[in-house]
Amino acid sequence: MSNLSIHRITSLELPQLQPYHTLRRPQDHLEQGIFVAEGEKVVRRFLSSDWQTISLLLTEEWLEEIVRTADERRLDGVEIFVGEKALLETIVGFPLHQGIMAVGRTPTELPLPELVPRLPAPFFLVALDGLVHAENVGVVVRNCAAFGVDAILVSRTTASPYLRRAVRNSMGGIFKLPCFHAKNLAHSLDWLKIAHNTRVIIADAHAEQTIDRADFSGNICVVFGNEDAGVSADVESVATDKIGIPMHSGMNSLNVASASAVVLYEARRRRTS
């Protein structure tokens, strides 16, 4: 790997390092079409994907490890900045990223009518409506990757899965899933119902039907709503089913990230049994 573009730095003032300076301004990254991956496992999984890498910022120790283990083609044309860990930590003022970070280009999203024909049949989708906490979005994405979801739809009121905290909490799961940011989630779900005979199943803590009695066959899209208020009224209006998780008395709900794991596990189990 003698052609690597390696820059050893003693300052963070280079223009190419600007994305690392704006970690607290996530909207800037979304507008630029970039994202930040941080930590060993997430960066490794990013480098194992086919998503475009722009740069790496890491310590000397991590440079040796990445050069030794990464596919050479994934580092071609990537600017690699190497500095002391103490220098890297000054980016946000506290230990953050285990000495290794990366900036990548968010993938080009296909319009839904182009994306759906590329999915397995029958398909298994998840939609996120009004999830405002990037950490929760990331965990739900991780659960989607773990339980074989084919793609994710994201409403305009949901934190993007490409935000740094979402990418981190997904543990790289986002690199395995196509994502579609819907301008109007209710319209997209209605189109799926009409054009692809898709059942739109809302996860609702107060639903009478429980997941052990639900029908998860065929084309489905499971919708997880806001951490407190649930799904929006327009999304609820296009639902075909509402399902809940049976619980012991005294408890009537779970955190959306935990609930998604339970629902998606049961859906996958039923679809493959």
C-alpha atoms as a PDB file:
ATOM      1  CA  MET A   1       0.000   0.000   0.000  1.00  0.00           C
ATOM      2  CA  SER A   2       2.752   2.410  -0.909  1.00  0.00           C
ATOM      3  CA  ASN A   3       0.349   4.812  -2.683  1.00  0.00           C
ATOM      4  CA  LEU A   4      -1.645   5.747   0.392  1.00  0.00           C
ATOM      5  CA  SER A   5      -2.342   9.452   0.893  1.00  0.00           C
ATOM      6  CA  ILE A   6      -1.108   9.826   4.485  1.00  0.00           C
ATOM      7  CA  HIS A   7      -0.778  13.197   6.237  1.00  0.00           C
ATOM      8  CA  ARG A   8       0.796  13.373   9.699  1.00  0.00           C
ATOM      9  CA  ILE A   9      -0.637  16.378  11.465  1.00  0.00           C
ATOM     10  CA  THR A  10       0.087  18.489  14.533  1.00  0.00           C
ATOM     11  CA  SER A  11      -2.877  20.831  13.985  1.00  0.00           C
ATOM     12  CA  LEU A  12      -6.524  20.398  13.047  1.00  0.00           C
ATOM     13  CA  GLU A  13      -6.731  23.556  10.960  1.00  0.00           C
ATOM     14  CA  LEU A  14      -6.508  21.909   7.540  1.00  0.00           C
ATOM     15  CA  PRO A  15      -9.573  22.613   5.361  1.00  0.00           C
ATOM     16  CA  GLN A  16     -10.001  18.897   4.711  1.00  0.00           C
ATOM     17  CA  LEU A  17     -10.620  18.375   8.432  1.00  0.00           C
ATOM     18  CA  GLN A  18     -13.577  20.772   8.499  1.00  0.00           C
ATOM     19  CA  PRO A  19     -16.184  17.969   8.841  1.00  0.00           C
ATOM     20  CA  TYR A  20     -14.533  16.800  12.047  1.00  0.00           C
ATOM     21  CA  HIS A  21     -14.800  20.325  13.463  1.00  0.00           C
ATOM     22  CA  THR A  22     -18.564  20.423  12.916  1.00  0.00           C
ATOM     23  CA  LEU A  23     -19.578  17.332  14.858  1.00  0.00           C
ATOM     24  CA  ARG A  24     -21.963  19.479  16.884  1.00  0.00           C
ATOM     25  CA  ARG A  25     -23.637  20.808  13.720  1.00  0.00           C
ATOM     26  CA  PRO A  26     -25.177  17.655  12.254  1.00  0.00           C
ATOM     27  CA  GLN A  27     -27.437  19.542   9.857  1.00  0.00           C
ATOM     28  CA  ASP A  28     -24.317  20.864   8.104  1.00  0.00           C
ATOM     29  CA  HIS A  29     -23.250  17.294   7.366  1.00  0.00           C
ATOM     30  CA  LEU A  30     -26.655  16.309   6.001  1.00  0.00           C
ATOM     31  CA  GLU A  31     -26.676  19.341   3.706  1.00  0.00           C
ATOM     32  CA  GLN A  32     -23.194  18.433   2.439  1.00  0.00           C
ATOM     33  CA  GLY A  33     -24.213  14.818   1.843  1.00  0.00           C
ATOM     34  CA  ILE A  34     -21.632  13.453   4.256  1.00  0.00           C
ATOM     35  CA  PHE A  35     -21.635  11.516   7.514  1.00  0.00           C
ATOM     36  CA  VAL A  36     -19.148  10.715  10.273  1.00  0.00           C
ATOM     37  CA  ALA A  37     -18.330   7.215  11.502  1.00  0.00           C
ATOM     38  CA  GLU A  38     -16.571   6.890  14.842  1.00  0.00           C
ATOM     39  CA  GLY A  39     -15.067   4.045  16.833  1.00  0.00           C
ATOM     40  CA  GLU A  40     -13.306   0.864  15.813  1.00  0.00           C
ATOM     41  CA  LYS A  41     -16.251  -1.400  14.951  1.00  0.00           C
ATOM     42  CA  VAL A  42     -18.236   1.225  13.070  1.00  0.00           C
ATOM     43  CA  VAL A  43     -15.250   2.393  11.008  1.00  0.00           C
ATOM     44  CA  ARG A  44     -14.254  -1.193  10.215  1.00  0.00           C
ATOM     45  CA  ARG A  45     -17.774  -1.988   9.052  1.00  0.00           C
ATOM     46  CA  PHE A  46     -17.838   1.198   7.021  1.00  0.00           C
ATOM     47  CA  LEU A  47     -14.587   0.225   5.301  1.00  0.00           C
ATOM     48  CA  SER A  48     -16.061  -3.215   4.609  1.00  0.00           C
ATOM     49  CA  SER A  49     -19.047  -1.649   2.843  1.00  0.00           C
ATOM     50  CA  ASP A  50     -19.220  -0.136  -0.630  1.00  0.00           C
ATOM     51  CA  TRP A  51     -20.020   3.368   0.649  1.00  0.00           C
ATOM     52  CA  GLN A  52     -17.611   6.083  -0.480  1.00  0.00           C
ATOM     53  CA  THR A  53     -14.868   7.041   1.979  1.00  0.00           C
ATOM     54  CA  ILE A  54     -13.623  10.640   1.923  1.00  0.00           C
ATOM     55  CA  SER A  55     -11.109  10.681   4.772  1.00  0.00           C
ATOM     56  CA  LEU A  56      -9.865   8.971   7.902  1.00  0.00           C
ATOM     57  CA  LEU A  57      -8.641  10.668  11.072  1.00  0.00           C
ATOM     58  CA  LEU A  58      -6.776   8.342  13.394  1.00  0.00           C
ATOM     59  CA  THR A  59      -3.782   7.686  15.599  1.00  0.00           C
ATOM     60  CA  GLU A  60      -0.534   6.056  14.482  1.00  0.00           C
ATOM     61  CA  GLU A  61      -1.545   2.801  16.150  1.00  0.00           C
ATOM     62  CA  TRP A  62      -4.785   2.653  14.215  1.00  0.00           C
ATOM     63  CA  LEU A  63      -3.016   3.534  10.972  1.00  0.00           C
ATOM     64  CA  GLU A  64      -0.906   0.390  11.227  1.00  0.00           C
ATOM     65  CA  GLU A  65      -3.974  -1.736  12.004  1.00  0.00           C
ATOM     66  CA  ILE A  66      -6.157  -0.320   9.222  1.00  0.00           C
ATOM     67  CA  VAL A  67      -3.395  -0.571   6.623  1.00  0.00           C
ATOM     68  CA  ARG A  68      -2.818  -4.184   7.642  1.00  0.00           C
ATOM     69  CA  THR A  69      -6.451  -5.287   7.568  1.00  0.00           C
ATOM     70  CA  ALA A  70      -8.414  -3.064   5.150  1.00  0.00           C
ATOM     71  CA  ASP A  71      -9.018  -3.843   1.490  1.00  0.00           C
ATOM     72  CA  GLU A  72      -6.489  -1.741  -0.427  1.00  0.00           C
ATOM     73  CA  ARG A  73      -9.154  -0.676  -2.913  1.00  0.00           C
ATOM     74  CA  ARG A  74     -11.202   0.900  -0.101  1.00  0.00           C
ATOM     75  CA  LEU A  75      -8.305   3.222   0.763  1.00  0.00           C
ATOM     76  CA  ASP A  76      -7.565   4.284  -2.790  1.00  0.00           C
ATOM     77  CA  GLY A  77      -7.952   8.064  -3.041  1.00  0.00           C
ATOM     78  CA  VAL A  78      -8.804   8.417   0.655  1.00  0.00           C
ATOM     79  CA  GLU A  79      -6.977  11.114   2.593  1.00  0.00           C
ATOM     80  CA  ILE A  80      -5.640   9.653   5.843  1.00  0.00           C
ATOM     81  CA  PHE A  81      -4.793  12.088   8.629  1.00  0.00           C
ATOM     82  CA  VAL A  82      -2.672  10.786  11.490  1.00  0.00           C
ATOM     83  CA  GLY A  83      -2.233  12.603  14.807  1.00  0.00           C
ATOM     84  CA  GLU A  84      -1.775  12.115  18.520  1.00  0.00           C
ATOM     85  CA  LYS A  85      -4.875  10.952  20.379  1.00  0.00           C
ATOM     86  CA  ALA A  86      -4.778  14.038  22.607  1.00  0.00           C
ATOM     87  CA  LEU A  87      -4.927  16.221  19.490  1.00  0.00           C
ATOM     88  CA  LEU A  88      -7.854  14.308  18.040  1.00  0.00           C
ATOM     89  CA  GLU A  89      -9.788  14.578  21.293  1.00  0.00           C
ATOM     90  CA  THR A  90      -9.640  18.369  21.177  1.00  0.00           C
ATOM     91  CA  ILE A  91     -12.185  18.267  18.340  1.00  0.00           C
ATOM     92  CA  VAL A  92     -15.057  18.135  20.816  1.00  0.00           C
ATOM     93  CA  GLY A  93     -13.237  18.518  24.101  1.00  0.00           C
ATOM     94  CA  PHE A  94     -13.623  15.033  25.567  1.00  0.00           C
ATOM     95  CA  PRO A  95     -12.617  11.439  24.717  1.00  0.00           C
ATOM     96  CA  LEU A  96     -14.940  10.448  21.920  1.00  0.00           C
ATOM     97  CA  HIS A  97     -13.817   8.124  19.208  1.00  0.00           C
ATOM     98  CA  GLN A  98     -11.210   5.605  20.402  1.00  0.00           C
ATOM     99  CA  GLY A  99      -8.640   7.264  18.201  1.00  0.00           C
ATOM    100  CA  ILE A 100     -10.329   6.498  14.889  1.00  0.00           C
ATOM    101  CA  MET A 101     -12.957   8.330  12.809  1.00  0.00           C
ATOM    102  CA  ALA A 102     -13.973   8.524   9.174  1.00  0.00           C
ATOM    103  CA  VAL A 103     -15.966  10.816   6.917  1.00  0.00           C
ATOM    104  CA  GLY A 104     -17.972   9.246   4.126  1.00  0.00           C
ATOM    105  CA  ARG A 105     -20.402  10.229   1.404  1.00  0.00           C
ATOM    106  CA  THR A 106     -24.052   9.396   2.028  1.00  0.00           C
ATOM    107  CA  PRO A 107     -25.364   7.077  -0.681  1.00  0.00           C
ATOM    108  CA  THR A 108     -27.616   8.278  -3.463  1.00  0.00           C
ATOM    109  CA  GLU A 109     -31.154   7.274  -2.566  1.00  0.00           C
ATOM    110  CA  LEU A 110     -33.354   5.705  -5.200  1.00  0.00           C
ATOM    111  CA  PRO A 111     -36.953   6.889  -5.591  1.00  0.00           C
ATOM    112  CA  LEU A 112     -39.308   4.400  -3.976  1.00  0.00           C
ATOM    113  CA  PRO A 113     -40.689   3.095  -7.311  1.00  0.00           C
ATOM    114  CA  GLU A 114     -37.111   2.237  -8.328  1.00  0.00           C
ATOM    115  CA  LEU A 115     -36.059   0.854  -4.955  1.00  0.00           C
ATOM    116  CA  VAL A 116     -38.929  -1.556  -4.358  1.00  0.00           C
ATOM    117  CA  PRO A 117     -38.408  -3.735  -7.491  1.00  0.00           C
ATOM    118  CA  ARG A 118     -34.825  -4.351  -6.329  1.00  0.00           C
ATOM    119  CA  LEU A 119     -35.943  -5.802  -2.999  1.00  0.00           C
ATOM    120  CA  PRO A 120     -36.518  -9.503  -2.282  1.00  0.00           C
ATOM    121  CA  ALA A 121     -40.051 -10.770  -2.714  1.00  0.00           C
ATOM    122  CA  PRO A 122     -41.953 -10.671  -0.487  1.00  0.00           C
ATOM    123  CA  PHE A 123     -40.280  -7.663   1.109  1.00  0.00           C
ATOM    124  CA  PHE A 124     -39.971  -6.673   4.755  1.00  0.00           C
ATOM    125  CA  LEU A 125     -39.781  -2.907   5.366  1.00  0.00           C
ATOM    126  CA  VAL A 126     -39.637  -0.665   8.403  1.00  0.00           C
ATOM    127  CA  ALA A 127     -40.817   2.951   8.530  1.00  0.00           C
ATOM    128  CA  LEU A 128     -39.821   5.464  11.199  1.00  0.00           C
ATOM    129  CA  ASP A 129     -42.287   8.260  11.950  1.00  0.00           C
ATOM    130  CA  GLY A 130     -41.325  11.096  14.278  1.00  0.00           C
ATOM    131  CA  LEU A 131     -38.370   9.475  16.059  1.00  0.00           C
ATOM    132  CA  VAL A 132     -36.507  12.569  17.164  1.00  0.00           C
ATOM    133  CA  HIS A 133     -33.591  11.020  19.045  1.00  0.00           C
ATOM    134  CA  ALA A 134     -30.729   9.965  16.765  1.00  0.00           C
ATOM    135  CA  GLU A 135     -29.591   7.403  19.334  1.00  0.00           C
ATOM    136  CA  ASN A 136     -32.956   5.622  19.155  1.00  0.00           C
ATOM    137  CA  VAL A 137     -32.928   5.742  15.364  1.00  0.00           C
ATOM    138  CA  GLY A 138     -29.492   4.149  15.372  1.00  0.00           C
ATOM    139  CA  VAL A 139     -30.554   1.285  17.639  1.00  0.00           C
ATOM    140  CA  VAL A 140     -33.673   0.636  15.561  1.00  0.00           C
ATOM    141  CA  VAL A 141     -31.511   0.537  12.421  1.00  0.00           C
ATOM    142  CA  ARG A 142     -29.190  -1.932  14.156  1.00  0.00           C
ATOM    143  CA  ASN A 143     -32.205  -4.109  14.992  1.00  0.00           C
ATOM    144  CA  CYS A 144     -33.419  -3.872  11.388  1.00  0.00           C
ATOM    145  CA  ALA A 145     -30.065  -5.136  10.129  1.00  0.00           C
ATOM    146  CA  ALA A 146     -30.045  -7.921  12.717  1.00  0.00           C
ATOM    147  CA  PHE A 147     -33.520  -9.206  11.879  1.00  0.00           C
ATOM    148  CA  GLY A 148     -33.390  -9.065   8.104  1.00  0.00           C
ATOM    149  CA  VAL A 149     -35.319  -5.928   7.203  1.00  0.00           C
ATOM    150  CA  ASP A 150     -34.862  -5.127   3.513  1.00  0.00           C
ATOM    151  CA  ALA A 151     -35.072  -1.302   3.602  1.00  0.00           C
ATOM    152  CA  ILE A 152     -36.023   1.603   5.859  1.00  0.00           C
ATOM    153  CA  LEU A 153     -38.365   4.537   5.182  1.00  0.00           C
ATOM    154  CA  VAL A 154     -37.770   7.706   7.197  1.00  0.00           C
ATOM    155  CA  SER A 155     -40.268  10.522   7.692  1.00  0.00           C
ATOM    156  CA  ARG A 156     -39.334  14.209   7.576  1.00  0.00           C
ATOM    157  CA  THR A 157     -39.928  14.362  11.341  1.00  0.00           C
ATOM    158  CA  THR A 158     -37.452  11.571  12.082  1.00  0.00           C
ATOM    159  CA  ALA A 159     -33.759  12.053  12.822  1.00  0.00           C
ATOM    160  CA  SER A 160     -31.761  10.878   9.813  1.00  0.00           C
ATOM    161  CA  PRO A 161     -29.985   7.523  10.136  1.00  0.00           C
ATOM    162  CA  TYR A 162     -26.953   9.299   8.632  1.00  0.00           C
ATOM    163  CA  LEU A 163     -26.439  11.504  11.706  1.00  0.00           C
ATOM    164  CA  ARG A 164     -23.250  10.729  13.625  1.00  0.00           C
ATOM    165  CA  ARG A 165     -25.005   9.461  16.739  1.00  0.00           C
ATOM    166  CA  ALA A 166     -27.369   7.340  14.678  1.00  0.00           C
ATOM    167  CA  VAL A 167     -24.508   5.832  12.668  1.00  0.00           C
ATOM    168  CA  ARG A 168     -22.629   5.103  15.906  1.00  0.00           C
ATOM    169  CA  ASN A 169     -25.625   3.478  17.641  1.00  0.00           C
ATOM    170  CA  SER A 170     -26.444   1.436  14.558  1.00  0.00           C
ATOM    171  CA  MET A 171     -22.999  -0.163  14.985  1.00  0.00           C
ATOM    172  CA  GLY A 172     -22.624  -0.038  11.222  1.00  0.00           C
ATOM    173  CA  GLY A 173     -26.054  -1.516  10.517  1.00  0.00           C
ATOM    174  CA  ILE A 174     -26.884   1.489   8.353  1.00  0.00           C
ATOM    175  CA  PHE A 175     -24.231   0.379   5.851  1.00  0.00           C
ATOM    176  CA  LYS A 176     -26.246  -2.784   5.171  1.00  0.00           C
ATOM    177  CA  LEU A 177     -29.648  -1.233   4.476  1.00  0.00           C
ATOM    178  CA  PRO A 178     -31.106   0.953   1.725  1.00  0.00           C
ATOM    179  CA  CYS A 179     -32.767   4.015   3.189  1.00  0.00           C
ATOM    180  CA  PHE A 180     -35.461   6.255   1.718  1.00  0.00           C
ATOM    181  CA  HIS A 181     -36.203   9.694   3.192  1.00  0.00           C
ATOM    182  CA  ALA A 182     -39.882  10.232   2.406  1.00  0.00           C
ATOM    183  CA  LYS A 183     -41.164  13.747   1.777  1.00  0.00           C
ATOM    184  CA  ASN A 184     -44.584  12.512   2.864  1.00  0.00           C
ATOM    185  CA  LEU A 185     -44.443   9.180   4.692  1.00  0.00           C
ATOM    186  CA  ALA A 186     -48.208   8.642   4.653  1.00  0.00           C
ATOM    187  CA  HIS A 187     -48.292   9.037   0.852  1.00  0.00           C
ATOM    188  CA  SER A 188     -45.362   6.635   0.463  1.00  0.00           C
ATOM    189  CA  LEU A 189     -47.056   4.028   2.655  1.00  0.00           C
ATOM    190  CA  ASP A 190     -50.326   4.429   0.776  1.00  0.00           C
ATOM    191  CA  TRP A 191     -48.477   3.936  -2.504  1.00  0.00           C
ATOM    192  CA  LEU A 192     -46.935   0.735  -1.145  1.00  0.00           C
ATOM    193  CA  LYS A 193     -50.409  -0.500  -0.192  1.00  0.00           C
ATOM    194  CA  ILE A 194     -51.893   0.193  -3.605  1.00  0.00           C
ATOM    195  CA  ALA A 195     -48.982  -0.614  -5.912  1.00  0.00           C
ATOM    196  CA  HIS A 196     -47.479  -3.560  -4.033  1.00  0.00           C
ATOM    197  CA  ASN A 197     -50.264  -4.956  -1.858  1.00  0.00           C
ATOM    198  CA  THR A 198     -48.312  -4.023   1.256  1.00  0.00           C
ATOM    199  CA  ARG A 199     -49.762  -4.297   4.733  1.00  0.00           C
ATOM    200  CA  VAL A 200     -48.837  -1.282   6.850  1.00  0.00           C
ATOM    201  CA  ILE A 201     -48.477  -2.498  10.432  1.00  0.00           C
ATOM    202  CA  ILE A 202     -48.192   0.080  13.213  1.00  0.00           C
ATOM    203  CA  ALA A 203     -46.443  -0.917  16.422  1.00  0.00           C
ATOM    204  CA  ASP A 204     -48.763   0.492  19.077  1.00  0.00           C
ATOM    205  CA  ALA A 205     -48.442  -0.183  22.793  1.00  0.00           C
ATOM    206  CA  HIS A 206     -52.233   0.090  23.175  1.00  0.00           C
ATOM    207  CA  ALA A 207     -53.239  -2.160  20.275  1.00  0.00           C
ATOM    208  CA  GLU A 208     -55.674  -4.971  21.011  1.00  0.00           C
ATOM    209  CA  GLN A 209     -53.962  -7.349  18.595  1.00  0.00           C
ATOM    210  CA  THR A 210     -50.647  -8.686  19.925  1.00  0.00           C
ATOM    211  CA  ILE A 211     -47.606  -9.720  17.932  1.00  0.00           C
ATOM    212  CA  ASP A 212     -48.140 -13.416  18.666  1.00  0.00           C
ATOM    213  CA  ARG A 213     -51.436 -13.236  16.737  1.00  0.00           C
ATOM    214  CA  ALA A 214     -50.346 -10.880  13.956  1.00  0.00           C
ATOM    215  CA  ASP A 215     -49.972 -11.833  10.313  1.00  0.00           C
ATOM    216  CA  PHE A 216     -46.456 -10.973   9.125  1.00  0.00           C
ATOM    217  CA  SER A 217     -46.648 -12.737   5.755  1.00  0.00           C
ATOM    218  CA  GLY A 218     -46.344 -11.138   2.331  1.00  0.00           C
ATOM    219  CA  ASN A 219     -45.171  -7.590   1.695  1.00  0.00           C
ATOM    220  CA  ILE A 220     -45.180  -5.713   4.993  1.00  0.00           C
ATOM    221  CA  CYS A 221     -43.991  -2.403   6.398  1.00  0.00           C
ATOM    222  CA  VAL A 222     -43.802  -2.147  10.186  1.00  0.00           C
ATOM    223  CA  VAL A 223     -44.062   1.448  11.440  1.00  0.00           C
ATOM    224  CA  PHE A 224     -42.467   2.682  14.661  1.00  0.00           C
ATOM    225  CA  GLY A 225     -43.598   6.073  15.901  1.00  0.00           C
ATOM    226  CA  ASN A 226     -42.467   8.912  18.112  1.00  0.00           C
ATOM    227  CA  GLU A 227     -40.943   7.987  21.465  1.00  0.00           C
ATOM    228  CA  ASP A 228     -43.887   9.560  23.336  1.00  0.00           C
ATOM    229  CA  ALA A 229     -46.752  10.309  20.953  1.00  0.00           C
ATOM    230  CA  GLY A 230     -46.581   7.334  18.580  1.00  0.00           C
ATOM    231  CA  VAL A 231     -47.261   7.718  14.865  1.00  0.00           C
ATOM    232  CA  SER A 232     -48.789  10.809  13.280  1.00  0.00           C
ATOM    233  CA  ALA A 233     -52.494  10.926  12.430  1.00  0.00           C
ATOM    234  CA  ASP A 234     -51.912  10.828   8.657  1.00  0.00           C
ATOM    235  CA  VAL A 235     -49.729   7.726   8.946  1.00  0.00           C
ATOM    236  CA  GLU A 236     -52.229   6.088  11.277  1.00  0.00           C
ATOM    237  CA  SER A 237     -54.959   6.726   8.703  1.00  0.00           C
ATOM    238  CA  VAL A 238     -53.273   4.508   6.105  1.00  0.00           C
ATOM    239  CA  ALA A 239     -52.477   1.627   8.471  1.00  0.00           C
ATOM    240  CA  THR A 240     -53.940  -1.801   7.833  1.00  0.00           C
ATOM    241  CA  ASP A 241     -53.003  -3.274  11.226  1.00  0.00           C
ATOM    242  CA  LYS A 242     -51.973  -2.216  14.727  1.00  0.00           C
ATOM    243  CA  ILE A 243     -50.028  -4.581  16.927  1.00  0.00           C
ATOM    244  CA  GLY A 244     -48.756  -4.506  20.484  1.00  0.00           C
ATOM    245  CA  ILE A 245     -46.397  -6.513  22.660  1.00  0.00           C
ATOM    246  CA  PRO A 246     -48.057  -8.592  25.417  1.00  0.00           C
ATOM    247  CA  MET A 247     -46.652  -7.620  28.811  1.00  0.00           C
ATOM    248  CA  HIS A 248     -47.060  -8.484  32.456  1.00  0.00           C
ATOM    249  CA  SER A 249     -49.466  -6.357  34.462  1.00  0.00           C
ATOM    250  CA  GLY A 250     -48.081  -3.053  35.649  1.00  0.00           C
ATOM    251  CA  MET A 251     -46.048  -2.427  32.493  1.00  0.00           C
ATOM    252  CA  ASN A 252     -47.665  -1.146  29.316  1.00  0.00           C
ATOM    253  CA  SER A 253     -44.838   0.045  27.084  1.00  0.00           C
ATOM    254  CA  LEU A 254     -41.175  -0.269  26.134  1.00  0.00           C
ATOM    255  CA  ASN A 255     -38.634   2.178  24.785  1.00  0.00           C
ATOM    256  CA  VAL A 256     -39.034   2.282  21.000  1.00  0.00           C
ATOM    257  CA  ALA A 257     -35.581   0.761  20.485  1.00  0.00           C
ATOM    258  CA  SER A 258     -36.410  -2.189  22.763  1.00  0.00           C
ATOM    259  CA  ALA A 259     -39.886  -2.586  21.296  1.00  0.00           C
ATOM    260  CA  SER A 260     -38.485  -2.696  17.776  1.00  0.00           C
ATOM    261  CA  ALA A 261     -36.208  -5.598  18.687  1.00  0.00           C
ATOM    262  CA  VAL A 262     -39.129  -7.623  20.034  1.00  0.00           C
ATOM    263  CA  VAL A 263     -41.440  -6.885  17.109  1.00  0.00           C
ATOM    264  CA  LEU A 264     -38.829  -7.423  14.400  1.00  0.00           C
ATOM    265  CA  TYR A 265     -37.614 -10.670  15.954  1.00  0.00           C
ATOM    266  CA  GLU A 266     -41.162 -12.029  16.021  1.00  0.00           C
ATOM    267  CA  ALA A 267     -41.838 -10.845  12.465  1.00  0.00           C
ATOM    268  CA  ARG A 268     -38.686 -12.517  11.134  1.00  0.00           C
ATOM    269  CA  ARG A 269     -39.363 -15.718  13.083  1.00  0.00           C
ATOM    270  CA  ARG A 270     -42.865 -15.967  11.691  1.00  0.00           C
ATOM    271  CA  ARG A 271     -41.762 -15.149   8.136  1.00  0.00           C
ATOM    272  CA  THR A 272     -39.164 -17.930   8.123  1.00  0.00           C
ATOM    273  CA  SER A 273     -41.071 -20.634  10.028  1.00  0.00           C
END
